[in-house]
C-alpha atoms as a PDB file:
ATOM      1  CA  UNK A   1      87.604 169.882  89.334  1.00  0.00           C
ATOM      2  CA  UNK A   2      89.259 167.088  86.674  1.00  0.00           C
ATOM      3  CA  UNK A   3      92.239 167.214  88.513  1.00  0.00           C
ATOM      4  CA  UNK A   4      92.523 163.061  90.228  1.00  0.00           C
ATOM      5  CA  UNK A   5      94.487 161.970  92.504  1.00  0.00           C
ATOM      6  CA  UNK A   6      97.405 158.967  92.566  1.00  0.00           C
ATOM      7  CA  UNK A   7      95.345 156.729  94.509  1.00  0.00           C
ATOM      8  CA  UNK A   8      91.782 157.086  92.607  1.00  0.00           C
ATOM      9  CA  UNK A   9      94.299 156.070  89.879  1.00  0.00           C
ATOM     10  CA  UNK A  10      95.435 152.901  91.570  1.00  0.00           C
ATOM     11  CA  UNK A  11      92.255 151.950  92.255  1.00  0.00           C
ATOM     12  CA  UNK A  12      90.885 151.961  88.989  1.00  0.00           C
ATOM     13  CA  UNK A  13      93.928 150.494  87.470  1.00  0.00           C
ATOM     14  CA  UNK A  14      93.270 147.308  89.834  1.00  0.00           C
ATOM     15  CA  UNK A  15      89.849 147.331  88.602  1.00  0.00           C
ATOM     16  CA  UNK A  16      90.141 148.306  84.742  1.00  0.00           C
ATOM     17  CA  UNK A  17      93.259 145.049  85.008  1.00  0.00           C
ATOM     18  CA  UNK A  18      91.293 142.737  86.853  1.00  0.00           C
ATOM     19  CA  UNK A  19      87.880 143.547  85.583  1.00  0.00           C
ATOM     20  CA  UNK A  20      86.604 142.248  88.615  1.00  0.00           C
ATOM     21  CA  UNK A  21      85.713 144.514  91.901  1.00  0.00           C
ATOM     22  CA  UNK A  22      86.610 141.653  94.220  1.00  0.00           C
ATOM     23  CA  UNK A  23      90.121 140.643  92.845  1.00  0.00           C
ATOM     24  CA  UNK A  24      90.932 144.585  92.840  1.00  0.00           C
ATOM     25  CA  UNK A  25      89.514 145.040  95.910  1.00  0.00           C
ATOM     26  CA  UNK A  26      91.643 141.586  97.417  1.00  0.00           C
ATOM     27  CA  UNK A  27      94.679 143.493  95.282  1.00  0.00           C
ATOM     28  CA  UNK A  28      95.075 146.798  96.842  1.00  0.00           C
ATOM     29  CA  UNK A  29      94.011 145.350 100.186  1.00  0.00           C
ATOM     30  CA  UNK A  30      90.514 147.155 101.116  1.00  0.00           C
ATOM     31  CA  UNK A  31      87.158 146.464 101.113  1.00  0.00           C
ATOM     32  CA  UNK A  32      84.985 146.486  98.428  1.00  0.00           C
ATOM     33  CA  UNK A  33      82.277 149.315  98.899  1.00  0.00           C
ATOM     34  CA  UNK A  34      84.822 151.977  99.385  1.00  0.00           C
ATOM     35  CA  UNK A  35      86.626 150.789  95.746  1.00  0.00           C
ATOM     36  CA  UNK A  36      83.522 150.801  94.091  1.00  0.00           C
ATOM     37  CA  UNK A  37      82.882 154.280  95.290  1.00  0.00           C
ATOM     38  CA  UNK A  38      85.568 155.481  94.549  1.00  0.00           C
ATOM     39  CA  UNK A  39      85.210 154.722  90.613  1.00  0.00           C
ATOM     40  CA  UNK A  40      81.828 156.254  90.777  1.00  0.00           C
ATOM     41  CA  UNK A  41      83.055 159.553  92.416  1.00  0.00           C
ATOM     42  CA  UNK A  42      85.982 159.338  89.509  1.00  0.00           C
ATOM     43  CA  UNK A  43      83.492 159.073  86.966  1.00  0.00           C
ATOM     44  CA  UNK A  44      80.750 161.230  87.858  1.00  0.00           C
ATOM     45  CA  UNK A  45      84.067 164.621  88.141  1.00  0.00           C
ATOM     46  CA  UNK A  46      85.147 162.955  84.831  1.00  0.00           C
ATOM     47  CA  UNK A  47      81.730 163.041  83.019  1.00  0.00           C
ATOM     48  CA  UNK A  48      82.178 159.598  81.170  1.00  0.00           C
ATOM     49  CA  UNK A  49      81.343 156.275  82.144  1.00  0.00           C
ATOM     50  CA  UNK A  50      84.180 154.497  82.490  1.00  0.00           C
ATOM     51  CA  UNK A  51      83.506 150.761  83.286  1.00  0.00           C
ATOM     52  CA  UNK A  52      80.391 149.565  81.640  1.00  0.00           C
ATOM     53  CA  UNK A  53      78.472 146.724  84.344  1.00  0.00           C
ATOM     54  CA  UNK A  54      76.505 144.232  83.959  1.00  0.00           C
ATOM     55  CA  UNK A  55      75.284 140.467  85.701  1.00  0.00           C
ATOM     56  CA  UNK A  56      78.051 139.274  83.398  1.00  0.00           C
ATOM     57  CA  UNK A  57      81.427 141.365  85.136  1.00  0.00           C
ATOM     58  CA  UNK A  58      83.143 144.650  84.341  1.00  0.00           C
ATOM     59  CA  UNK A  59      84.164 145.811  80.911  1.00  0.00           C
ATOM     60  CA  UNK A  60      86.608 149.393  79.913  1.00  0.00           C
ATOM     61  CA  UNK A  61      84.600 151.559  78.136  1.00  0.00           C
ATOM     62  CA  UNK A  62      86.894 153.935  75.454  1.00  0.00           C
ATOM     63  CA  UNK A  63      87.365 155.983  77.887  1.00  0.00           C
ATOM     64  CA  UNK A  64      88.145 153.850  80.116  1.00  0.00           C
ATOM     65  CA  UNK A  65      90.536 152.473  78.078  1.00  0.00           C
ATOM     66  CA  UNK A  66      91.637 155.596  77.173  1.00  0.00           C
ATOM     67  CA  UNK A  67      92.302 156.249  81.029  1.00  0.00           C
ATOM     68  CA  UNK A  68      93.974 152.609  81.588  1.00  0.00           C
ATOM     69  CA  UNK A  69      96.735 153.639  79.642  1.00  0.00           C
ATOM     70  CA  UNK A  70      97.156 157.106  81.056  1.00  0.00           C
ATOM     71  CA  UNK A  71      96.750 156.340  84.790  1.00  0.00           C
ATOM     72  CA  UNK A  72      99.440 154.211  84.087  1.00  0.00           C
ATOM     73  CA  UNK A  73     101.957 156.330  82.879  1.00  0.00           C
ATOM     74  CA  UNK A  74     100.969 158.975  85.378  1.00  0.00           C
ATOM     75  CA  UNK A  75     101.724 156.337  88.182  1.00  0.00           C
ATOM     76  CA  UNK A  76     105.198 155.492  86.410  1.00  0.00           C
ATOM     77  CA  UNK A  77     106.049 159.138  86.459  1.00  0.00           C
ATOM     78  CA  UNK A  78     105.363 159.556  89.951  1.00  0.00           C
ATOM     79  CA  UNK A  79     106.827 156.292  90.684  1.00  0.00           C
ATOM     80  CA  UNK A  80     110.133 157.316  89.126  1.00  0.00           C
ATOM     81  CA  UNK A  81     109.817 161.216  90.327  1.00  0.00           C
ATOM     82  CA  UNK A  82     110.347 159.609  93.717  1.00  0.00           C
ATOM     83  CA  UNK A  83     113.573 156.952  92.653  1.00  0.00           C
ATOM     84  CA  UNK A  84     115.162 160.332  91.543  1.00  0.00           C
ATOM     85  CA  UNK A  85     114.349 162.500  94.474  1.00  0.00           C
ATOM     86  CA  UNK A  86     115.492 160.080  97.278  1.00  0.00           C
ATOM     87  CA  UNK A  87     119.106 158.846  94.655  1.00  0.00           C
ATOM     88  CA  UNK A  88     119.746 162.573  94.504  1.00  0.00           C
ATOM     89  CA  UNK A  89     119.439 163.553  98.290  1.00  0.00           C
ATOM     90  CA  UNK A  90     122.061 160.489  98.563  1.00  0.00           C
ATOM     91  CA  UNK A  91     125.278 162.284  98.648  1.00  0.00           C
ATOM     92  CA  UNK A  92     126.913 158.387  98.026  1.00  0.00           C
ATOM     93  CA  UNK A  93     124.925 156.957  95.486  1.00  0.00           C
ATOM     94  CA  UNK A  94     126.676 156.539  92.390  1.00  0.00           C
ATOM     95  CA  UNK A  95     124.880 157.059  88.745  1.00  0.00           C
ATOM     96  CA  UNK A  96     123.414 153.830  87.372  1.00  0.00           C
ATOM     97  CA  UNK A  97     124.194 153.563  83.368  1.00  0.00           C
ATOM     98  CA  UNK A  98     121.780 150.558  82.103  1.00  0.00           C
ATOM     99  CA  UNK A  99     122.748 148.419  79.120  1.00  0.00           C
ATOM    100  CA  UNK A 100     121.782 145.094  77.003  1.00  0.00           C
ATOM    101  CA  UNK A 101     123.780 142.372  78.435  1.00  0.00           C
ATOM    102  CA  UNK A 102     126.588 141.261  75.636  1.00  0.00           C
ATOM    103  CA  UNK A 103     126.558 144.616  73.758  1.00  0.00           C
ATOM    104  CA  UNK A 104     128.610 147.414  73.381  1.00  0.00           C
ATOM    105  CA  UNK A 105     131.107 146.069  75.484  1.00  0.00           C
ATOM    106  CA  UNK A 106     134.111 147.764  74.016  1.00  0.00           C
ATOM    107  CA  UNK A 107     132.835 150.983  74.599  1.00  0.00           C
ATOM    108  CA  UNK A 108     131.700 150.165  77.708  1.00  0.00           C
ATOM    109  CA  UNK A 109     134.654 149.493  78.912  1.00  0.00           C
ATOM    110  CA  UNK A 110     136.320 152.462  77.557  1.00  0.00           C
ATOM    111  CA  UNK A 111     134.098 154.788  79.280  1.00  0.00           C
ATOM    112  CA  UNK A 112     134.997 152.981  82.250  1.00  0.00           C
ATOM    113  CA  UNK A 113     138.500 153.283  82.182  1.00  0.00           C
ATOM    114  CA  UNK A 114     138.316 156.650  80.922  1.00  0.00           C
ATOM    115  CA  UNK A 115     135.961 156.927  84.400  1.00  0.00           C
ATOM    116  CA  UNK A 116     138.670 155.839  86.295  1.00  0.00           C
ATOM    117  CA  UNK A 117     141.402 157.662  85.414  1.00  0.00           C
ATOM    118  CA  UNK A 118     139.454 161.007  86.343  1.00  0.00           C
ATOM    119  CA  UNK A 119     139.643 161.157  90.645  1.00  0.00           C
ATOM    120  CA  UNK A 120     136.124 163.641  90.124  1.00  0.00           C
ATOM    121  CA  UNK A 121     134.406 161.088  88.928  1.00  0.00           C
ATOM    122  CA  UNK A 122     131.038 160.253  90.068  1.00  0.00           C
ATOM    123  CA  UNK A 123     131.358 156.588  90.621  1.00  0.00           C
ATOM    124  CA  UNK A 124     129.805 154.686  87.901  1.00  0.00           C
ATOM    125  CA  UNK A 125     127.383 151.482  88.650  1.00  0.00           C
ATOM    126  CA  UNK A 126     126.326 149.390  85.876  1.00  0.00           C
ATOM    127  CA  UNK A 127     122.893 147.430  85.243  1.00  0.00           C
ATOM    128  CA  UNK A 128     122.272 144.665  82.740  1.00  0.00           C
ATOM    129  CA  UNK A 129     119.375 143.973  81.266  1.00  0.00           C
ATOM    130  CA  UNK A 130     117.302 142.300  78.616  1.00  0.00           C
ATOM    131  CA  UNK A 131     116.785 143.515  75.130  1.00  0.00           C
ATOM    132  CA  UNK A 132     114.540 146.243  74.707  1.00  0.00           C
ATOM    133  CA  UNK A 133     114.491 147.269  78.512  1.00  0.00           C
ATOM    134  CA  UNK A 134     116.714 149.964  78.785  1.00  0.00           C
ATOM    135  CA  UNK A 135     114.405 152.333  77.398  1.00  0.00           C
ATOM    136  CA  UNK A 136     111.733 151.783  80.602  1.00  0.00           C
ATOM    137  CA  UNK A 137     114.319 151.365  83.314  1.00  0.00           C
ATOM    138  CA  UNK A 138     115.704 155.045  82.467  1.00  0.00           C
ATOM    139  CA  UNK A 139     111.965 155.526  82.486  1.00  0.00           C
ATOM    140  CA  UNK A 140     111.377 154.431  85.260  1.00  0.00           C
ATOM    141  CA  UNK A 141     113.976 156.059  87.416  1.00  0.00           C
ATOM    142  CA  UNK A 142     115.952 152.844  87.581  1.00  0.00           C
ATOM    143  CA  UNK A 143     119.017 153.980  85.776  1.00  0.00           C
ATOM    144  CA  UNK A 144     120.095 157.509  85.156  1.00  0.00           C
ATOM    145  CA  UNK A 145     121.586 156.799  81.695  1.00  0.00           C
ATOM    146  CA  UNK A 146     121.085 154.326  79.549  1.00  0.00           C
ATOM    147  CA  UNK A 147     123.108 152.765  76.563  1.00  0.00           C
ATOM    148  CA  UNK A 148     120.773 152.221  73.572  1.00  0.00           C
ATOM    149  CA  UNK A 149     120.569 151.248  70.030  1.00  0.00           C
ATOM    150  CA  UNK A 150     119.025 152.936  66.848  1.00  0.00           C
ATOM    151  CA  UNK A 151     116.798 151.221  65.014  1.00  0.00           C
ATOM    152  CA  UNK A 152     115.940 148.409  68.123  1.00  0.00           C
ATOM    153  CA  UNK A 153     115.159 150.735  71.085  1.00  0.00           C
ATOM    154  CA  UNK A 154     112.566 153.271  71.923  1.00  0.00           C
ATOM    155  CA  UNK A 155     114.526 157.045  71.753  1.00  0.00           C
ATOM    156  CA  UNK A 156     111.087 158.233  72.437  1.00  0.00           C
ATOM    157  CA  UNK A 157     111.434 161.500  75.148  1.00  0.00           C
ATOM    158  CA  UNK A 158     115.090 161.333  75.752  1.00  0.00           C
ATOM    159  CA  UNK A 159     118.570 163.411  74.959  1.00  0.00           C
ATOM    160  CA  UNK A 160     120.910 161.781  73.026  1.00  0.00           C
ATOM    161  CA  UNK A 161     124.648 161.251  71.384  1.00  0.00           C
ATOM    162  CA  UNK A 162     125.573 159.181  69.094  1.00  0.00           C
ATOM    163  CA  UNK A 163     128.552 157.184  70.257  1.00  0.00           C
ATOM    164  CA  UNK A 164     129.214 154.648  67.232  1.00  0.00           C
ATOM    165  CA  UNK A 165     127.901 153.367  63.870  1.00  0.00           C
ATOM    166  CA  UNK A 166     128.648 149.620  63.059  1.00  0.00           C
ATOM    167  CA  UNK A 167     127.314 147.118  60.164  1.00  0.00           C
ATOM    168  CA  UNK A 168     125.139 144.145  61.700  1.00  0.00           C
ATOM    169  CA  UNK A 169     126.869 140.276  61.676  1.00  0.00           C
ATOM    170  CA  UNK A 170     124.892 136.815  61.570  1.00  0.00           C
ATOM    171  CA  UNK A 171     125.618 134.532  64.368  1.00  0.00           C
ATOM    172  CA  UNK A 172     124.953 131.092  63.009  1.00  0.00           C
ATOM    173  CA  UNK A 173     125.919 127.625  64.632  1.00  0.00           C
ATOM    174  CA  UNK A 174     129.281 126.873  63.357  1.00  0.00           C
ATOM    175  CA  UNK A 175     128.334 123.778  61.772  1.00  0.00           C
ATOM    176  CA  UNK A 176     126.061 125.611  60.182  1.00  0.00           C
ATOM    177  CA  UNK A 177     126.400 125.322  55.964  1.00  0.00           C
ATOM    178  CA  UNK A 178     126.468 129.585  55.757  1.00  0.00           C
ATOM    179  CA  UNK A 179     129.063 129.590  58.442  1.00  0.00           C
ATOM    180  CA  UNK A 180     132.083 129.026  55.575  1.00  0.00           C
ATOM    181  CA  UNK A 181     130.767 132.199  53.859  1.00  0.00           C
ATOM    182  CA  UNK A 182     132.505 135.296  54.018  1.00  0.00           C
ATOM    183  CA  UNK A 183     129.363 137.638  53.640  1.00  0.00           C
ATOM    184  CA  UNK A 184     125.563 137.231  53.721  1.00  0.00           C
ATOM    185  CA  UNK A 185     122.418 138.899  53.156  1.00  0.00           C
ATOM    186  CA  UNK A 186     119.291 140.216  54.832  1.00  0.00           C
ATOM    187  CA  UNK A 187     117.378 138.034  52.440  1.00  0.00           C
ATOM    188  CA  UNK A 188     119.615 134.880  52.605  1.00  0.00           C
ATOM    189  CA  UNK A 189     119.237 135.008  56.245  1.00  0.00           C
ATOM    190  CA  UNK A 190     115.614 135.546  56.354  1.00  0.00           C
ATOM    191  CA  UNK A 191     114.920 132.100  53.724  1.00  0.00           C
ATOM    192  CA  UNK A 192     117.091 129.188  55.521  1.00  0.00           C
ATOM    193  CA  UNK A 193     115.009 126.830  55.820  1.00  0.00           C
ATOM    194  CA  UNK A 194     116.492 125.112  58.600  1.00  0.00           C
ATOM    195  CA  UNK A 195     117.588 128.165  61.235  1.00  0.00           C
ATOM    196  CA  UNK A 196     114.861 130.476  61.065  1.00  0.00           C
ATOM    197  CA  UNK A 197     115.740 133.744  63.018  1.00  0.00           C
ATOM    198  CA  UNK A 198     115.262 133.906  66.175  1.00  0.00           C
ATOM    199  CA  UNK A 199     111.994 136.161  67.497  1.00  0.00           C
ATOM    200  CA  UNK A 200     112.452 138.621  70.303  1.00  0.00           C
ATOM    201  CA  UNK A 201     109.126 140.228  71.837  1.00  0.00           C
ATOM    202  CA  UNK A 202     107.772 143.341  70.802  1.00  0.00           C
ATOM    203  CA  UNK A 203     107.218 147.126  73.717  1.00  0.00           C
ATOM    204  CA  UNK A 204     103.658 145.488  74.503  1.00  0.00           C
ATOM    205  CA  UNK A 205     105.183 141.598  74.944  1.00  0.00           C
ATOM    206  CA  UNK A 206     104.204 140.642  71.949  1.00  0.00           C
ATOM    207  CA  UNK A 207     105.851 138.348  69.968  1.00  0.00           C
ATOM    208  CA  UNK A 208     106.243 139.092  65.389  1.00  0.00           C
ATOM    209  CA  UNK A 209     104.832 136.043  63.375  1.00  0.00           C
ATOM    210  CA  UNK A 210     107.288 133.866  62.065  1.00  0.00           C
ATOM    211  CA  UNK A 211     108.892 130.315  62.344  1.00  0.00           C
ATOM    212  CA  UNK A 212     111.719 131.031  64.541  1.00  0.00           C
ATOM    213  CA  UNK A 213     111.733 130.339  68.853  1.00  0.00           C
ATOM    214  CA  UNK A 214     110.631 132.684  71.384  1.00  0.00           C
ATOM    215  CA  UNK A 215     113.320 134.062  72.854  1.00  0.00           C
ATOM    216  CA  UNK A 216     113.787 136.139  76.082  1.00  0.00           C
ATOM    217  CA  UNK A 217     117.206 136.430  77.334  1.00  0.00           C
ATOM    218  CA  UNK A 218     120.828 136.203  75.500  1.00  0.00           C
ATOM    219  CA  UNK A 219     121.554 132.917  76.991  1.00  0.00           C
ATOM    220  CA  UNK A 220     117.951 131.663  76.076  1.00  0.00           C
ATOM    221  CA  UNK A 221     119.278 133.113  72.397  1.00  0.00           C
ATOM    222  CA  UNK A 222     123.254 131.357  72.524  1.00  0.00           C
ATOM    223  CA  UNK A 223     121.850 127.816  73.686  1.00  0.00           C
ATOM    224  CA  UNK A 224     119.338 127.825  70.832  1.00  0.00           C
ATOM    225  CA  UNK A 225     122.199 128.686  67.678  1.00  0.00           C
ATOM    226  CA  UNK A 226     125.026 126.324  69.392  1.00  0.00           C
ATOM    227  CA  UNK A 227     122.240 123.721  69.369  1.00  0.00           C
ATOM    228  CA  UNK A 228     121.858 124.659  66.114  1.00  0.00           C
ATOM    229  CA  UNK A 229     117.776 126.013  65.992  1.00  0.00           C
ATOM    230  CA  UNK A 230     118.194 129.482  64.795  1.00  0.00           C
ATOM    231  CA  UNK A 231     120.266 132.189  64.257  1.00  0.00           C
ATOM    232  CA  UNK A 232     120.378 136.084  63.992  1.00  0.00           C
ATOM    233  CA  UNK A 233     121.679 139.025  63.073  1.00  0.00           C
ATOM    234  CA  UNK A 234     122.814 141.405  65.375  1.00  0.00           C
ATOM    235  CA  UNK A 235     125.718 144.967  65.650  1.00  0.00           C
ATOM    236  CA  UNK A 236     128.993 143.461  65.007  1.00  0.00           C
ATOM    237  CA  UNK A 237     129.855 144.814  68.199  1.00  0.00           C
ATOM    238  CA  UNK A 238     127.937 142.048  70.821  1.00  0.00           C
ATOM    239  CA  UNK A 239     129.718 139.138  69.082  1.00  0.00           C
ATOM    240  CA  UNK A 240     131.370 139.556  72.936  1.00  0.00           C
ATOM    241  CA  UNK A 241     129.412 137.421  74.303  1.00  0.00           C
ATOM    242  CA  UNK A 242     129.745 134.548  71.253  1.00  0.00           C
ATOM    243  CA  UNK A 243     130.173 131.069  72.165  1.00  0.00           C
ATOM    244  CA  UNK A 244     133.147 128.745  70.354  1.00  0.00           C
ATOM    245  CA  UNK A 245     129.271 127.102  68.668  1.00  0.00           C
ATOM    246  CA  UNK A 246     128.826 129.900  67.015  1.00  0.00           C
ATOM    247  CA  UNK A 247     130.614 132.216  63.611  1.00  0.00           C
ATOM    248  CA  UNK A 248     129.865 135.435  62.971  1.00  0.00           C
ATOM    249  CA  UNK A 249     129.526 136.602  59.346  1.00  0.00           C
ATOM    250  CA  UNK A 250     129.073 139.773  58.078  1.00  0.00           C
ATOM    251  CA  UNK A 251     125.473 140.268  56.422  1.00  0.00           C
ATOM    252  CA  UNK A 252     126.907 143.717  54.394  1.00  0.00           C
ATOM    253  CA  UNK A 253     122.891 144.939  53.418  1.00  0.00           C
ATOM    254  CA  UNK A 254     121.915 145.100  57.245  1.00  0.00           C
ATOM    255  CA  UNK A 255     120.925 148.511  58.030  1.00  0.00           C
ATOM    256  CA  UNK A 256     123.468 150.116  60.553  1.00  0.00           C
ATOM    257  CA  UNK A 257     123.242 150.351  64.037  1.00  0.00           C
ATOM    258  CA  UNK A 258     123.494 153.275  66.346  1.00  0.00           C
ATOM    259  CA  UNK A 259     124.934 153.534  69.312  1.00  0.00           C
ATOM    260  CA  UNK A 260     124.149 156.177  71.497  1.00  0.00           C
ATOM    261  CA  UNK A 261     123.837 157.130  75.017  1.00  0.00           C
ATOM    262  CA  UNK A 262     120.839 158.444  76.636  1.00  0.00           C
ATOM    263  CA  UNK A 263     119.065 160.863  79.418  1.00  0.00           C
ATOM    264  CA  UNK A 264     116.322 162.210  80.596  1.00  0.00           C
ATOM    265  CA  UNK A 265     115.545 165.224  78.919  1.00  0.00           C
ATOM    266  CA  UNK A 266     115.668 168.549  81.340  1.00  0.00           C
ATOM    267  CA  UNK A 267     118.088 166.669  83.749  1.00  0.00           C
ATOM    268  CA  UNK A 268     120.389 169.018  86.095  1.00  0.00           C
ATOM    269  CA  UNK A 269     122.543 166.664  87.215  1.00  0.00           C
ATOM    270  CA  UNK A 270     126.438 167.722  86.720  1.00  0.00           C
ATOM    271  CA  UNK A 271     127.267 163.671  87.452  1.00  0.00           C
ATOM    272  CA  UNK A 272     125.381 162.957  84.735  1.00  0.00           C
ATOM    273  CA  UNK A 273     126.606 166.083  82.116  1.00  0.00           C
ATOM    274  CA  UNK A 274     129.881 164.446  83.062  1.00  0.00           C
ATOM    275  CA  UNK A 275     129.194 161.083  81.897  1.00  0.00           C
ATOM    276  CA  UNK A 276     127.967 161.914  78.919  1.00  0.00           C
ATOM    277  CA  UNK A 277     130.853 164.232  78.133  1.00  0.00           C
ATOM    278  CA  UNK A 278     133.046 161.434  79.363  1.00  0.00           C
ATOM    279  CA  UNK A 279     131.774 158.901  76.502  1.00  0.00           C
ATOM    280  CA  UNK A 280     130.793 161.249  73.736  1.00  0.00           C
ATOM    281  CA  UNK A 281     134.584 162.183  73.743  1.00  0.00           C
ATOM    282  CA  UNK A 282     135.330 158.303  72.936  1.00  0.00           C
ATOM    283  CA  UNK A 283     133.519 158.215  70.233  1.00  0.00           C
ATOM    284  CA  UNK A 284     136.257 159.340  67.376  1.00  0.00           C
ATOM    285  CA  UNK A 285     138.174 156.463  67.589  1.00  0.00           C
ATOM    286  CA  UNK A 286     135.458 153.482  69.194  1.00  0.00           C
END
């Protein structure tokens, strides 16, 4: 039998992340000998070596690296299933819609206004997050629906409906010479020596190479732009959080950004379906 228990997956992930049986045992709150036995039992059952052990420590084999990736995904799925089940069992539970803070403000406001006029609509709780976090919160069951943006967000595995397509603008310090321009090109904003474009983390947490500052939050970014340390290119509607010290200039050759509403495939929630219908009904005039 190749079946693995969630307990065994948790044990393996702890050892694989710590690369030390003692630290992994402390993290799990168990003794080291039963942890070692559990890992060897998994290796025996799968017929592969997951960990290379020697006097210098512990290292993952290729099979171990595969199982680490798959185990994390499986454990996330189990946790998400538990969250969704608890939410489904609560008749008073509101829907959670996750969106990037500062993005798609007009669409979101119009959606909430439409729902407020519908006495039968399920209450909606808004969960605001930072860049690229929406998809993870939807996958792990923390949210029921999400507002995502193509090509920036990870849409893999979701059902989606398009809500709006728009161009992009450069957000610049108001005192910078380029702020007086009527329009800019990507080449121009990418080659401003004194104002490098800010860098957001990739999905794995690493940053792309470049001279621009590393940022993780909208508030960090807004202040760095106001201080004349960086610029950014964003969907035009995201100017909702623009400071008085900022100026938005259209970037004429930037790719269009599509705003979508996303939900978990196979969802049977009538409340989710109703929310999606309400959102798509607004798209013709968004």
